[in-house]
N, C-alpha and C. Protein backbone atom coordinates (compact mmCIF):
# COMPACT_ATOMS: atom_id res chain seq x y z
N MET A 1 0.84 -1.18 0.00
CA MET A 1 0.00 0.00 0.00
C MET A 1 0.89 1.24 0.00
N ARG A 2 0.59 2.19 -0.86
CA ARG A 2 1.36 3.43 -0.93
C ARG A 2 0.77 4.48 -0.02
N GLU A 3 1.65 5.18 0.63
CA GLU A 3 1.26 6.28 1.50
C GLU A 3 1.57 7.59 0.80
N HIS A 4 0.63 8.50 0.81
CA HIS A 4 0.82 9.82 0.21
C HIS A 4 0.98 10.85 1.31
N ALA A 5 1.94 11.73 1.14
CA ALA A 5 2.09 12.86 2.04
C ALA A 5 1.72 14.12 1.27
N ASN A 6 0.90 14.94 1.86
CA ASN A 6 0.52 16.20 1.24
C ASN A 6 1.28 17.31 1.96
N ILE A 7 1.77 18.26 1.18
CA ILE A 7 2.64 19.31 1.69
C ILE A 7 2.06 20.68 1.37
N GLY A 8 2.10 21.56 2.36
CA GLY A 8 1.76 22.97 2.14
C GLY A 8 2.97 23.81 2.52
N PHE A 9 3.38 24.70 1.62
CA PHE A 9 4.53 25.55 1.91
C PHE A 9 4.25 26.95 1.39
N ARG A 10 4.37 27.91 2.28
CA ARG A 10 4.19 29.30 1.93
C ARG A 10 4.62 30.16 3.11
N TYR A 11 5.14 31.34 2.85
CA TYR A 11 5.59 32.26 3.92
C TYR A 11 6.63 31.61 4.83
N GLY A 12 7.41 30.67 4.32
CA GLY A 12 8.41 29.99 5.13
C GLY A 12 7.85 28.93 6.06
N VAL A 13 6.57 28.62 5.94
CA VAL A 13 5.90 27.63 6.78
C VAL A 13 5.75 26.33 5.99
N LEU A 14 6.25 25.23 6.54
CA LEU A 14 6.15 23.92 5.92
C LEU A 14 5.23 23.04 6.77
N ALA A 15 4.11 22.62 6.19
CA ALA A 15 3.13 21.77 6.87
C ALA A 15 2.94 20.50 6.06
N VAL A 16 2.88 19.35 6.75
CA VAL A 16 2.81 18.05 6.08
C VAL A 16 1.76 17.19 6.77
N SER A 17 0.99 16.45 5.97
CA SER A 17 0.04 15.50 6.51
C SER A 17 -0.07 14.30 5.57
N ALA A 18 -0.17 13.12 6.14
CA ALA A 18 -0.37 11.90 5.37
C ALA A 18 -1.79 11.40 5.62
N ALA A 19 -2.06 10.13 5.36
CA ALA A 19 -3.42 9.60 5.46
C ALA A 19 -3.95 9.57 6.90
N GLY A 20 -3.06 9.51 7.87
CA GLY A 20 -3.48 9.48 9.27
C GLY A 20 -4.09 10.81 9.69
N GLY A 21 -4.51 10.89 10.91
CA GLY A 21 -5.20 12.08 11.42
C GLY A 21 -4.29 13.07 12.11
N LEU A 22 -3.14 13.39 11.53
CA LEU A 22 -2.21 14.34 12.14
C LEU A 22 -1.72 15.35 11.11
N LEU A 23 -1.41 16.55 11.59
CA LEU A 23 -0.74 17.57 10.81
C LEU A 23 0.59 17.85 11.50
N TYR A 24 1.65 17.94 10.72
CA TYR A 24 2.98 18.23 11.24
C TYR A 24 3.45 19.58 10.71
N ARG A 25 4.04 20.38 11.57
CA ARG A 25 4.71 21.61 11.16
C ARG A 25 6.20 21.33 11.28
N LEU A 26 6.92 21.44 10.17
CA LEU A 26 8.33 21.11 10.13
C LEU A 26 9.17 22.37 9.95
N ASP A 27 10.40 22.31 10.47
CA ASP A 27 11.36 23.37 10.21
C ASP A 27 11.82 23.23 8.76
N TYR A 28 11.72 24.29 8.00
CA TYR A 28 12.03 24.25 6.58
C TYR A 28 13.50 23.89 6.32
N LEU A 29 14.41 24.38 7.13
CA LEU A 29 15.84 24.15 6.88
C LEU A 29 16.34 22.80 7.36
N THR A 30 15.82 22.31 8.50
CA THR A 30 16.35 21.08 9.08
C THR A 30 15.43 19.87 8.93
N GLY A 31 14.15 20.10 8.71
CA GLY A 31 13.19 19.01 8.66
C GLY A 31 12.72 18.56 10.03
N ALA A 32 13.20 19.19 11.08
CA ALA A 32 12.81 18.82 12.45
C ALA A 32 11.34 19.16 12.68
N THR A 33 10.65 18.32 13.44
CA THR A 33 9.26 18.57 13.79
C THR A 33 9.18 19.68 14.82
N LEU A 34 8.45 20.74 14.49
CA LEU A 34 8.23 21.83 15.44
C LEU A 34 7.04 21.53 16.34
N TRP A 35 5.99 20.96 15.75
CA TRP A 35 4.83 20.52 16.50
C TRP A 35 4.00 19.60 15.61
N HIS A 36 3.11 18.86 16.22
CA HIS A 36 2.11 18.09 15.47
C HIS A 36 0.80 18.17 16.24
N SER A 37 -0.28 18.02 15.50
CA SER A 37 -1.60 18.15 16.11
C SER A 37 -2.58 17.24 15.37
N PRO A 38 -3.55 16.67 16.09
CA PRO A 38 -4.55 15.84 15.42
C PRO A 38 -5.47 16.66 14.52
N THR A 39 -5.95 16.03 13.47
CA THR A 39 -6.98 16.62 12.61
C THR A 39 -8.29 15.89 12.88
N THR A 40 -9.38 16.50 12.50
CA THR A 40 -10.70 15.92 12.77
C THR A 40 -10.91 14.60 12.04
N SER A 41 -10.33 14.47 10.85
CA SER A 41 -10.52 13.28 10.04
C SER A 41 -9.20 12.84 9.45
N GLY A 42 -9.16 11.61 8.96
CA GLY A 42 -8.00 11.09 8.25
C GLY A 42 -8.24 11.15 6.75
N GLY A 43 -7.28 10.67 6.00
CA GLY A 43 -7.39 10.64 4.54
C GLY A 43 -6.46 11.66 3.91
N ARG A 44 -6.55 11.75 2.59
CA ARG A 44 -5.70 12.70 1.87
C ARG A 44 -6.06 14.12 2.25
N ALA A 45 -5.03 14.94 2.39
CA ALA A 45 -5.23 16.30 2.88
C ALA A 45 -5.05 17.32 1.77
N THR A 46 -5.75 18.41 1.90
CA THR A 46 -5.48 19.63 1.16
C THR A 46 -5.03 20.64 2.20
N ILE A 47 -3.86 21.23 1.99
CA ILE A 47 -3.27 22.13 2.98
C ILE A 47 -3.09 23.50 2.34
N LEU A 48 -3.60 24.52 3.04
CA LEU A 48 -3.46 25.90 2.61
C LEU A 48 -2.77 26.67 3.73
N VAL A 49 -1.65 27.28 3.41
CA VAL A 49 -0.91 28.08 4.39
C VAL A 49 -1.18 29.56 4.10
N GLU A 50 -1.71 30.26 5.09
CA GLU A 50 -1.97 31.69 4.99
C GLU A 50 -1.06 32.42 5.99
N HIS A 51 -1.14 33.74 6.01
CA HIS A 51 -0.28 34.53 6.91
C HIS A 51 -0.41 34.10 8.36
N ASP A 52 -1.64 33.86 8.82
CA ASP A 52 -1.86 33.59 10.24
C ASP A 52 -2.42 32.21 10.53
N LEU A 53 -2.76 31.42 9.51
CA LEU A 53 -3.38 30.11 9.73
C LEU A 53 -2.84 29.05 8.77
N ILE A 54 -2.91 27.81 9.22
CA ILE A 54 -2.72 26.65 8.36
C ILE A 54 -4.08 25.96 8.32
N ILE A 55 -4.67 25.84 7.15
CA ILE A 55 -6.00 25.25 6.99
C ILE A 55 -5.84 23.89 6.32
N VAL A 56 -6.47 22.87 6.92
CA VAL A 56 -6.36 21.50 6.42
C VAL A 56 -7.75 20.96 6.13
N GLY A 57 -7.95 20.47 4.93
CA GLY A 57 -9.19 19.80 4.56
C GLY A 57 -8.94 18.31 4.44
N LYS A 58 -9.71 17.50 5.17
CA LYS A 58 -9.61 16.03 5.13
C LYS A 58 -10.98 15.43 5.37
N GLY A 59 -11.36 14.48 4.55
CA GLY A 59 -12.58 13.72 4.78
C GLY A 59 -13.82 14.57 4.96
N GLY A 60 -13.89 15.72 4.29
CA GLY A 60 -15.06 16.58 4.39
C GLY A 60 -15.04 17.55 5.56
N TYR A 61 -13.95 17.57 6.32
CA TYR A 61 -13.82 18.48 7.47
C TYR A 61 -12.71 19.48 7.21
N LEU A 62 -12.83 20.66 7.80
CA LEU A 62 -11.78 21.67 7.78
C LEU A 62 -11.28 21.90 9.19
N ASP A 63 -9.97 21.95 9.34
CA ASP A 63 -9.33 22.31 10.61
C ASP A 63 -8.44 23.50 10.35
N ALA A 64 -8.33 24.40 11.33
CA ALA A 64 -7.47 25.57 11.21
C ALA A 64 -6.53 25.61 12.42
N PHE A 65 -5.27 25.88 12.15
CA PHE A 65 -4.25 25.93 13.18
C PHE A 65 -3.49 27.23 13.04
N ASP A 66 -3.11 27.86 14.17
CA ASP A 66 -2.21 29.00 14.03
C ASP A 66 -0.80 28.43 13.82
N HIS A 67 0.13 29.27 13.49
CA HIS A 67 1.46 28.79 13.15
C HIS A 67 2.20 28.18 14.32
N GLY A 68 1.73 28.42 15.52
CA GLY A 68 2.33 27.82 16.72
C GLY A 68 1.72 26.50 17.11
N GLY A 69 0.72 26.05 16.39
CA GLY A 69 0.11 24.77 16.68
C GLY A 69 -1.29 24.91 17.17
């Protein structure tokens, strides 16, 4: 089974989510995890990075996170 990771990058913010119910915020230069947080649903993600929010769409649900988690 293949796993897909969806990536959102904008304004120096790197956000990643795979099929599971988590969103990860990574350091762009090192790849280190800055924080992770559960999402309402699992499945393939659509990630939109804005100035003040990271918005994640999964399984018909939207979650919004500030850049600090």
